Amino acid sequence: ARKYGVSVSSLTKLNGMSTRSTLRVGRRIRVR
């Protein structure tokens, strides 16, 4: 979120995930 200047809540909403979701290496997540 800091890297792209967005909020954590925005990231979770865009990707249908929660703040507790596991971030798997190699997975692509939408940031905008």
Full PDB file with SEQRES, HELIX, SHEET, SSBOND, CRYST1, ORIGX, SCALE, CONECT and MASTER records, all heavy atoms in Angstrom:
SEQRES   1 A   32  ALA ARG LYS TYR GLY VAL SER VAL SER SER LEU THR LYS          
SEQRES   2 A   32  LEU ASN GLY MET SER THR ARG SER THR LEU ARG VAL GLY          
SEQRES   3 A   32  ARG ARG ILE ARG VAL ARG                                      
HELIX    1 AA1 VAL A    8  ASN A   15  1                                   8    
CRYST1    1.000    1.000    1.000  90.00  90.00  90.00 P 1           1          
ORIGX1      1.000000  0.000000  0.000000        0.00000                         
ORIGX2      0.000000  1.000000  0.000000        0.00000                         
ORIGX3      0.000000  0.000000  1.000000        0.00000                         
SCALE1      1.000000  0.000000  0.000000        0.00000                         
SCALE2      0.000000  1.000000  0.000000        0.00000                         
SCALE3      0.000000  0.000000  1.000000        0.00000                         
ATOM      1  N   ALA A   1       0.832  -1.211   0.000  1.00  0.00           N  
ATOM      2  CA  ALA A   1       0.000   0.000   0.000  1.00  0.00           C  
ATOM      3  C   ALA A   1       0.864   1.257   0.000  1.00  0.00           C  
ATOM      4  O   ALA A   1       0.603   2.207  -0.752  1.00  0.00           O  
ATOM      5  CB  ALA A   1      -0.924  -0.006   1.219  1.00  0.00           C  
ATOM      6  N   ARG A   2       1.923   1.259   0.816  1.00  0.00           N  
ATOM      7  CA  ARG A   2       2.828   2.417   0.848  1.00  0.00           C  
ATOM      8  C   ARG A   2       3.539   2.594  -0.482  1.00  0.00           C  
ATOM      9  O   ARG A   2       3.714   3.715  -0.970  1.00  0.00           O  
ATOM     10  CB  ARG A   2       3.846   2.260   1.964  1.00  0.00           C  
ATOM     11  CG  ARG A   2       3.318   2.521   3.362  1.00  0.00           C  
ATOM     12  CD  ARG A   2       4.452   2.697   4.349  1.00  0.00           C  
ATOM     13  NE  ARG A   2       5.327   1.536   4.384  1.00  0.00           N  
ATOM     14  CZ  ARG A   2       5.135   0.469   5.163  1.00  0.00           C  
ATOM     15  NH1 ARG A   2       4.077   0.439   5.975  1.00  0.00           N  
ATOM     16  NH2 ARG A   2       5.972  -0.553   5.142  1.00  0.00           N  
ATOM     17  N   LYS A   3       3.947   1.500  -1.068  1.00  0.00           N  
ATOM     18  CA  LYS A   3       4.699   1.552  -2.335  1.00  0.00           C  
ATOM     19  C   LYS A   3       3.896   2.225  -3.442  1.00  0.00           C  
ATOM     20  O   LYS A   3       4.440   3.002  -4.237  1.00  0.00           O  
ATOM     21  CB  LYS A   3       5.070   0.127  -2.756  1.00  0.00           C  
ATOM     22  CG  LYS A   3       5.775   0.011  -4.114  1.00  0.00           C  
ATOM     23  CD  LYS A   3       6.074  -1.445  -4.422  1.00  0.00           C  
ATOM     24  CE  LYS A   3       6.650  -1.601  -5.824  1.00  0.00           C  
ATOM     25  NZ  LYS A   3       7.974  -0.998  -5.965  1.00  0.00           N  
ATOM     26  N   TYR A   4       2.591   1.940  -3.494  1.00  0.00           N  
ATOM     27  CA  TYR A   4       1.770   2.458  -4.584  1.00  0.00           C  
ATOM     28  C   TYR A   4       0.882   3.630  -4.162  1.00  0.00           C  
ATOM     29  O   TYR A   4       0.078   4.121  -4.941  1.00  0.00           O  
ATOM     30  CB  TYR A   4       0.901   1.337  -5.164  1.00  0.00           C  
ATOM     31  CG  TYR A   4       1.722   0.286  -5.868  1.00  0.00           C  
ATOM     32  CD1 TYR A   4       2.074  -0.897  -5.226  1.00  0.00           C  
ATOM     33  CD2 TYR A   4       2.187   0.486  -7.161  1.00  0.00           C  
ATOM     34  CE1 TYR A   4       2.853  -1.856  -5.857  1.00  0.00           C  
ATOM     35  CE2 TYR A   4       2.957  -0.467  -7.808  1.00  0.00           C  
ATOM     36  CZ  TYR A   4       3.293  -1.633  -7.150  1.00  0.00           C  
ATOM     37  OH  TYR A   4       4.073  -2.573  -7.787  1.00  0.00           O  
ATOM     38  N   GLY A   5       1.029   4.083  -2.922  1.00  0.00           N  
ATOM     39  CA  GLY A   5       0.278   5.239  -2.477  1.00  0.00           C  
ATOM     40  C   GLY A   5      -1.214   4.996  -2.361  1.00  0.00           C  
ATOM     41  O   GLY A   5      -2.027   5.884  -2.661  1.00  0.00           O  
ATOM     42  N   VAL A   6      -1.594   3.781  -1.952  1.00  0.00           N  
ATOM     43  CA  VAL A   6      -3.009   3.445  -1.766  1.00  0.00           C  
ATOM     44  C   VAL A   6      -3.219   2.953  -0.340  1.00  0.00           C  
ATOM     45  O   VAL A   6      -2.267   2.762   0.411  1.00  0.00           O  
ATOM     46  CB  VAL A   6      -3.468   2.364  -2.780  1.00  0.00           C  
ATOM     47  CG1 VAL A   6      -3.324   2.881  -4.198  1.00  0.00           C  
ATOM     48  CG2 VAL A   6      -2.662   1.079  -2.608  1.00  0.00           C  
ATOM     49  N   SER A   7      -4.464   2.725   0.034  1.00  0.00           N  
ATOM     50  CA  SER A   7      -4.767   2.242   1.382  1.00  0.00           C  
ATOM     51  C   SER A   7      -4.858   0.722   1.402  1.00  0.00           C  
ATOM     52  O   SER A   7      -5.125   0.079   0.375  1.00  0.00           O  
ATOM     53  CB  SER A   7      -6.085   2.837   1.879  1.00  0.00           C  
ATOM     54  OG  SER A   7      -7.170   2.362   1.095  1.00  0.00           O  
ATOM     55  N   VAL A   8      -4.648   0.131   2.563  1.00  0.00           N  
ATOM     56  CA  VAL A   8      -4.779  -1.312   2.723  1.00  0.00           C  
ATOM     57  C   VAL A   8      -6.212  -1.748   2.438  1.00  0.00           C  
ATOM     58  O   VAL A   8      -6.453  -2.774   1.799  1.00  0.00           O  
ATOM     59  CB  VAL A   8      -4.360  -1.743   4.145  1.00  0.00           C  
ATOM     60  CG1 VAL A   8      -4.687  -3.223   4.384  1.00  0.00           C  
ATOM     61  CG2 VAL A   8      -2.870  -1.500   4.362  1.00  0.00           C  
ATOM     62  N   SER A   9      -7.168  -0.953   2.910  1.00  0.00           N  
ATOM     63  CA  SER A   9      -8.582  -1.299   2.685  1.00  0.00           C  
ATOM     64  C   SER A   9      -8.910  -1.327   1.195  1.00  0.00           C  
ATOM     65  O   SER A   9      -9.700  -2.145   0.730  1.00  0.00           O  
ATOM     66  CB  SER A   9      -9.495  -0.302   3.406  1.00  0.00           C  
ATOM     67  OG  SER A   9      -9.284   1.020   2.927  1.00  0.00           O  
ATOM     68  N   SER A  10      -8.257  -0.421   0.418  1.00  0.00           N  
ATOM     69  CA  SER A  10      -8.474  -0.416  -1.029  1.00  0.00           C  
ATOM     70  C   SER A  10      -7.934  -1.697  -1.660  1.00  0.00           C  
ATOM     71  O   SER A  10      -8.579  -2.296  -2.535  1.00  0.00           O  
ATOM     72  CB  SER A  10      -7.796   0.802  -1.649  1.00  0.00           C  
ATOM     73  OG  SER A  10      -7.889   0.765  -3.059  1.00  0.00           O  
ATOM     74  N   LEU A  11      -6.766  -2.148  -1.198  1.00  0.00           N  
ATOM     75  CA  LEU A  11      -6.181  -3.383  -1.719  1.00  0.00           C  
ATOM     76  C   LEU A  11      -7.068  -4.587  -1.427  1.00  0.00           C  
ATOM     77  O   LEU A  11      -7.289  -5.436  -2.299  1.00  0.00           O  
ATOM     78  CB  LEU A  11      -4.794  -3.607  -1.101  1.00  0.00           C  
ATOM     79  CG  LEU A  11      -3.664  -2.686  -1.555  1.00  0.00           C  
ATOM     80  CD1 LEU A  11      -2.373  -3.054  -0.818  1.00  0.00           C  
ATOM     81  CD2 LEU A  11      -3.449  -2.778  -3.051  1.00  0.00           C  
ATOM     82  N   THR A  12      -7.546  -4.682  -0.209  1.00  0.00           N  
ATOM     83  CA  THR A  12      -8.380  -5.838   0.157  1.00  0.00           C  
ATOM     84  C   THR A  12      -9.690  -5.843  -0.625  1.00  0.00           C  
ATOM     85  O   THR A  12     -10.169  -6.886  -1.056  1.00  0.00           O  
ATOM     86  CB  THR A  12      -8.666  -5.834   1.674  1.00  0.00           C  
ATOM     87  OG1 THR A  12      -9.275  -4.577   2.038  1.00  0.00           O  
ATOM     88  CG2 THR A  12      -7.381  -6.018   2.469  1.00  0.00           C  
ATOM     89  N   LYS A  13     -10.264  -4.660  -0.846  1.00  0.00           N  
ATOM     90  CA  LYS A  13     -11.525  -4.569  -1.586  1.00  0.00           C  
ATOM     91  C   LYS A  13     -11.326  -4.941  -3.050  1.00  0.00           C  
ATOM     92  O   LYS A  13     -12.136  -5.682  -3.635  1.00  0.00           O  
ATOM     93  CB  LYS A  13     -12.076  -3.151  -1.477  1.00  0.00           C  
ATOM     94  CG  LYS A  13     -13.439  -2.970  -2.146  1.00  0.00           C  
ATOM     95  CD  LYS A  13     -13.962  -1.553  -1.941  1.00  0.00           C  
ATOM     96  CE  LYS A  13     -15.321  -1.375  -2.606  1.00  0.00           C  
ATOM     97  NZ  LYS A  13     -15.851   0.007  -2.402  1.00  0.00           N  
ATOM     98  N   LEU A  14     -10.242  -4.454  -3.666  1.00  0.00           N  
ATOM     99  CA  LEU A  14      -9.980  -4.743  -5.076  1.00  0.00           C  
ATOM    100  C   LEU A  14      -9.741  -6.225  -5.331  1.00  0.00           C  
ATOM    101  O   LEU A  14     -10.059  -6.742  -6.401  1.00  0.00           O  
ATOM    102  CB  LEU A  14      -8.758  -3.953  -5.562  1.00  0.00           C  
ATOM    103  CG  LEU A  14      -8.961  -2.476  -5.882  1.00  0.00           C  
ATOM    104  CD1 LEU A  14      -7.614  -1.810  -6.154  1.00  0.00           C  
ATOM    105  CD2 LEU A  14      -9.883  -2.311  -7.076  1.00  0.00           C  
ATOM    106  N   ASN A  15      -9.180  -6.916  -4.331  1.00  0.00           N  
ATOM    107  CA  ASN A  15      -8.774  -8.306  -4.528  1.00  0.00           C  
ATOM    108  C   ASN A  15      -9.637  -9.314  -3.781  1.00  0.00           C  
ATOM    109  O   ASN A  15      -9.320 -10.499  -3.762  1.00  0.00           O  
ATOM    110  CB  ASN A  15      -7.308  -8.467  -4.106  1.00  0.00           C  
ATOM    111  CG  ASN A  15      -6.370  -7.676  -4.999  1.00  0.00           C  
ATOM    112  OD1 ASN A  15      -6.026  -8.105  -6.085  1.00  0.00           O  
ATOM    113  ND2 ASN A  15      -5.973  -6.489  -4.531  1.00  0.00           N  
ATOM    114  N   GLY A  16     -10.729  -8.844  -3.167  1.00  0.00           N  
ATOM    115  CA  GLY A  16     -11.637  -9.744  -2.470  1.00  0.00           C  
ATOM    116  C   GLY A  16     -10.954 -10.533  -1.374  1.00  0.00           C  
ATOM    117  O   GLY A  16     -11.170 -11.746  -1.236  1.00  0.00           O  
ATOM    118  N   MET A  17     -10.112  -9.864  -0.598  1.00  0.00           N  
ATOM    119  CA  MET A  17      -9.349 -10.539   0.439  1.00  0.00           C  
ATOM    120  C   MET A  17      -9.496  -9.778   1.745  1.00  0.00           C  
ATOM    121  O   MET A  17     -10.067  -8.687   1.795  1.00  0.00           O  
ATOM    122  CB  MET A  17      -7.868 -10.626   0.039  1.00  0.00           C  
ATOM    123  CG  MET A  17      -7.245  -9.281  -0.289  1.00  0.00           C  
ATOM    124  SD  MET A  17      -5.667  -9.350  -1.182  1.00  0.00           S  
ATOM    125  CE  MET A  17      -4.654 -10.241  -0.067  1.00  0.00           C  
ATOM    126  N   SER A  18      -8.991 -10.360   2.830  1.00  0.00           N  
ATOM    127  CA  SER A  18      -9.013  -9.695   4.128  1.00  0.00           C  
ATOM    128  C   SER A  18      -7.583  -9.345   4.535  1.00  0.00           C  
ATOM    129  O   SER A  18      -6.615  -9.769   3.897  1.00  0.00           O  
ATOM    130  CB  SER A  18      -9.632 -10.612   5.198  1.00  0.00           C  
ATOM    131  OG  SER A  18      -8.748 -11.671   5.511  1.00  0.00           O  
ATOM    132  N   THR A  19      -7.459  -8.570   5.593  1.00  0.00           N  
ATOM    133  CA  THR A  19      -6.129  -8.177   6.069  1.00  0.00           C  
ATOM    134  C   THR A  19      -5.350  -9.378   6.603  1.00  0.00           C  
ATOM    135  O   THR A  19      -4.138  -9.296   6.783  1.00  0.00           O  
ATOM    136  CB  THR A  19      -6.243  -7.116   7.173  1.00  0.00           C  
ATOM    137  OG1 THR A  19      -7.102  -7.612   8.218  1.00  0.00           O  
ATOM    138  CG2 THR A  19      -6.828  -5.819   6.618  1.00  0.00           C  
ATOM    139  N   ARG A  20      -6.040 -10.501   6.835  1.00  0.00           N  
ATOM    140  CA  ARG A  20      -5.377 -11.712   7.345  1.00  0.00           C  
ATOM    141  C   ARG A  20      -5.028 -12.700   6.229  1.00  0.00           C  
ATOM    142  O   ARG A  20      -4.442 -13.755   6.500  1.00  0.00           O  
ATOM    143  CB  ARG A  20      -6.275 -12.401   8.378  1.00  0.00           C  
ATOM    144  CG  ARG A  20      -6.526 -11.550   9.622  1.00  0.00           C  
ATOM    145  CD  ARG A  20      -7.382 -12.312  10.623  1.00  0.00           C  
ATOM    146  NE  ARG A  20      -7.624 -11.535  11.826  1.00  0.00           N  
ATOM    147  CZ  ARG A  20      -8.334 -11.955  12.874  1.00  0.00           C  
ATOM    148  NH1 ARG A  20      -8.883 -13.182  12.832  1.00  0.00           N  
ATOM    149  NH2 ARG A  20      -8.505 -11.183  13.923  1.00  0.00           N  
ATOM    150  N   SER A  21      -5.372 -12.348   5.008  1.00  0.00           N  
ATOM    151  CA  SER A  21      -5.106 -13.263   3.893  1.00  0.00           C  
ATOM    152  C   SER A  21      -3.606 -13.488   3.713  1.00  0.00           C  
ATOM    153  O   SER A  21      -2.788 -12.584   3.936  1.00  0.00           O  
ATOM    154  CB  SER A  21      -5.690 -12.706   2.591  1.00  0.00           C  
ATOM    155  OG  SER A  21      -7.091 -12.579   2.675  1.00  0.00           O  
ATOM    156  N   THR A  22      -3.243 -14.708   3.309  1.00  0.00           N  
ATOM    157  CA  THR A  22      -1.844 -15.051   3.059  1.00  0.00           C  
ATOM    158  C   THR A  22      -1.414 -14.524   1.697  1.00  0.00           C  
ATOM    159  O   THR A  22      -2.121 -14.710   0.696  1.00  0.00           O  
ATOM    160  CB  THR A  22      -1.641 -16.578   3.102  1.00  0.00           C  
ATOM    161  OG1 THR A  22      -2.043 -17.067   4.382  1.00  0.00           O  
ATOM    162  CG2 THR A  22      -0.180 -16.926   2.844  1.00  0.00           C  
ATOM    163  N   LEU A  23      -0.273 -13.873   1.654  1.00  0.00           N  
ATOM    164  CA  LEU A  23       0.273 -13.364   0.399  1.00  0.00           C  
ATOM    165  C   LEU A  23       1.223 -14.402  -0.171  1.00  0.00           C  
ATOM    166  O   LEU A  23       2.336 -14.580   0.316  1.00  0.00           O  
ATOM    167  CB  LEU A  23       1.005 -12.034   0.634  1.00  0.00           C  
ATOM    168  CG  LEU A  23       0.158 -10.879   1.191  1.00  0.00           C  
ATOM    169  CD1 LEU A  23       1.012  -9.631   1.342  1.00  0.00           C  
ATOM    170  CD2 LEU A  23      -1.049 -10.600   0.291  1.00  0.00           C  
ATOM    171  N   ARG A  24       0.788 -15.075  -1.227  1.00  0.00           N  
ATOM    172  CA  ARG A  24       1.597 -16.127  -1.823  1.00  0.00           C  
ATOM    173  C   ARG A  24       2.583 -15.524  -2.832  1.00  0.00           C  
ATOM    174  O   ARG A  24       2.188 -14.758  -3.719  1.00  0.00           O  
ATOM    175  CB  ARG A  24       0.716 -17.170  -2.514  1.00  0.00           C  
ATOM    176  CG  ARG A  24      -0.220 -17.916  -1.562  1.00  0.00           C  
ATOM    177  CD  ARG A  24      -0.828 -19.133  -2.257  1.00  0.00           C  
ATOM    178  NE  ARG A  24      -1.517 -18.754  -3.483  1.00  0.00           N  
ATOM    179  CZ  ARG A  24      -2.786 -18.359  -3.518  1.00  0.00           C  
ATOM    180  NH1 ARG A  24      -3.472 -18.273  -2.392  1.00  0.00           N  
ATOM    181  NH2 ARG A  24      -3.351 -18.054  -4.667  1.00  0.00           N  
ATOM    182  N   VAL A  25       3.843 -15.898  -2.695  1.00  0.00           N  
ATOM    183  CA  VAL A  25       4.880 -15.391  -3.588  1.00  0.00           C  
ATOM    184  C   VAL A  25       4.546 -15.767  -5.036  1.00  0.00           C  
ATOM    185  O   VAL A  25       4.216 -16.916  -5.317  1.00  0.00           O  
ATOM    186  CB  VAL A  25       6.271 -15.945  -3.202  1.00  0.00           C  
ATOM    187  CG1 VAL A  25       7.317 -15.535  -4.226  1.00  0.00           C  
ATOM    188  CG2 VAL A  25       6.663 -15.447  -1.814  1.00  0.00           C  
ATOM    189  N   GLY A  26       4.618 -14.792  -5.911  1.00  0.00           N  
ATOM    190  CA  GLY A  26       4.327 -15.027  -7.328  1.00  0.00           C  
ATOM    191  C   GLY A  26       2.907 -14.666  -7.734  1.00  0.00           C  
ATOM    192  O   GLY A  26       2.620 -14.503  -8.921  1.00  0.00           O  
ATOM    193  N   ARG A  27       2.023 -14.487  -6.746  1.00  0.00           N  
ATOM    194  CA  ARG A  27       0.655 -14.117  -7.065  1.00  0.00           C  
ATOM    195  C   ARG A  27       0.581 -12.638  -7.451  1.00  0.00           C  
ATOM    196  O   ARG A  27       1.280 -11.802  -6.905  1.00  0.00           O  
ATOM    197  CB  ARG A  27      -0.258 -14.365  -5.853  1.00  0.00           C  
ATOM    198  CG  ARG A  27      -1.699 -13.905  -6.071  1.00  0.00           C  
ATOM    199  CD  ARG A  27      -2.512 -13.969  -4.797  1.00  0.00           C  
ATOM    200  NE  ARG A  27      -3.832 -13.377  -4.981  1.00  0.00           N  
ATOM    201  CZ  ARG A  27      -4.709 -13.175  -4.008  1.00  0.00           C  
ATOM    202  NH1 ARG A  27      -4.412 -13.517  -2.756  1.00  0.00           N  
ATOM    203  NH2 ARG A  27      -5.885 -12.624  -4.255  1.00  0.00           N  
ATOM    204  N   ARG A  28      -0.269 -12.310  -8.405  1.00  0.00           N  
ATOM    205  CA  ARG A  28      -0.481 -10.919  -8.801  1.00  0.00           C  
ATOM    206  C   ARG A  28      -1.731 -10.380  -8.100  1.00  0.00           C  
ATOM    207  O   ARG A  28      -2.787 -11.004  -8.121  1.00  0.00           O  
ATOM    208  CB  ARG A  28      -0.650 -10.802 -10.314  1.00  0.00           C  
ATOM    209  CG  ARG A  28       0.572 -11.185 -11.102  1.00  0.00           C  
ATOM    210  CD  ARG A  28       0.281 -11.242 -12.589  1.00  0.00           C  
ATOM    211  NE  ARG A  28       0.045  -9.951 -13.184  1.00  0.00           N  
ATOM    212  CZ  ARG A  28      -1.060  -9.580 -13.825  1.00  0.00           C  
ATOM    213  NH1 ARG A  28      -2.058 -10.435 -13.946  1.00  0.00           N  
ATOM    214  NH2 ARG A  28      -1.185  -8.386 -14.347  1.00  0.00           N  
ATOM    215  N   ILE A  29      -1.587  -9.231  -7.476  1.00  0.00           N  
ATOM    216  CA  ILE A  29      -2.746  -8.585  -6.869  1.00  0.00           C  
ATOM    217  C   ILE A  29      -2.923  -7.207  -7.494  1.00  0.00           C  
ATOM    218  O   ILE A  29      -1.950  -6.542  -7.848  1.00  0.00           O  
ATOM    219  CB  ILE A  29      -2.643  -8.468  -5.330  1.00  0.00           C  
ATOM    220  CG1 ILE A  29      -1.511  -7.517  -4.940  1.00  0.00           C  
ATOM    221  CG2 ILE A  29      -2.464  -9.830  -4.690  1.00  0.00           C  
ATOM    222  CD1 ILE A  29      -1.517  -7.198  -3.452  1.00  0.00           C  
ATOM    223  N   ARG A  30      -4.163  -6.818  -7.614  1.00  0.00           N  
ATOM    224  CA  ARG A  30      -4.462  -5.526  -8.225  1.00  0.00           C  
ATOM    225  C   ARG A  30      -4.228  -4.413  -7.206  1.00  0.00           C  
ATOM    226  O   ARG A  30      -4.679  -4.535  -6.053  1.00  0.00           O  
ATOM    227  CB  ARG A  30      -5.916  -5.510  -8.715  1.00  0.00           C  
ATOM    228  CG  ARG A  30      -6.286  -4.240  -9.471  1.00  0.00           C  
ATOM    229  CD  ARG A  30      -7.706  -4.309  -9.973  1.00  0.00           C  
ATOM    230  NE  ARG A  30      -8.158  -3.025 -10.519  1.00  0.00           N  
ATOM    231  CZ  ARG A  30      -9.375  -2.772 -10.927  1.00  0.00           C  
ATOM    232  NH1 ARG A  30     -10.305  -3.726 -10.860  1.00  0.00           N  
ATOM    233  NH2 ARG A  30      -9.694  -1.584 -11.381  1.00  0.00           N  
ATOM    234  N   VAL A  31      -3.569  -3.352  -7.630  1.00  0.00           N  
ATOM    235  CA  VAL A  31      -3.309  -2.239  -6.717  1.00  0.00           C  
ATOM    236  C   VAL A  31      -4.105  -0.991  -7.096  1.00  0.00           C  
ATOM    237  O   VAL A  31      -4.299  -0.102  -6.272  1.00  0.00           O  
ATOM    238  CB  VAL A  31      -1.807  -1.886  -6.663  1.00  0.00           C  
ATOM    239  CG1 VAL A  31      -1.032  -3.038  -6.066  1.00  0.00           C  
ATOM    240  CG2 VAL A  31      -1.254  -1.542  -8.038  1.00  0.00           C  
ATOM    241  N   ARG A  32      -4.557  -0.916  -8.348  1.00  0.00           N  
ATOM    242  CA  ARG A  32      -5.441   0.174  -8.784  1.00  0.00           C  
ATOM    243  C   ARG A  32      -6.406  -0.305  -9.871  1.00  0.00           C  
ATOM    244  O   ARG A  32      -6.056  -1.172 -10.631  1.00  0.00           O  
ATOM    245  CB  ARG A  32      -4.611   1.334  -9.362  1.00  0.00           C  
ATOM    246  CG  ARG A  32      -3.944   2.199  -8.284  1.00  0.00           C  
ATOM    247  CD  ARG A  32      -3.249   3.377  -8.917  1.00  0.00           C  
ATOM    248  NE  ARG A  32      -2.565   4.176  -7.941  1.00  0.00           N  
ATOM    249  CZ  ARG A  32      -3.124   5.169  -7.233  1.00  0.00           C  
ATOM    250  NH1 ARG A  32      -4.380   5.461  -7.432  1.00  0.00           N  
ATOM    251  NH2 ARG A  32      -2.433   5.841  -6.353  1.00  0.00           N  
TER     252      ARG A  32                                                      
MASTER        0    0    0    1    0    0    0    6  251    1    0    3          
END                                                                             
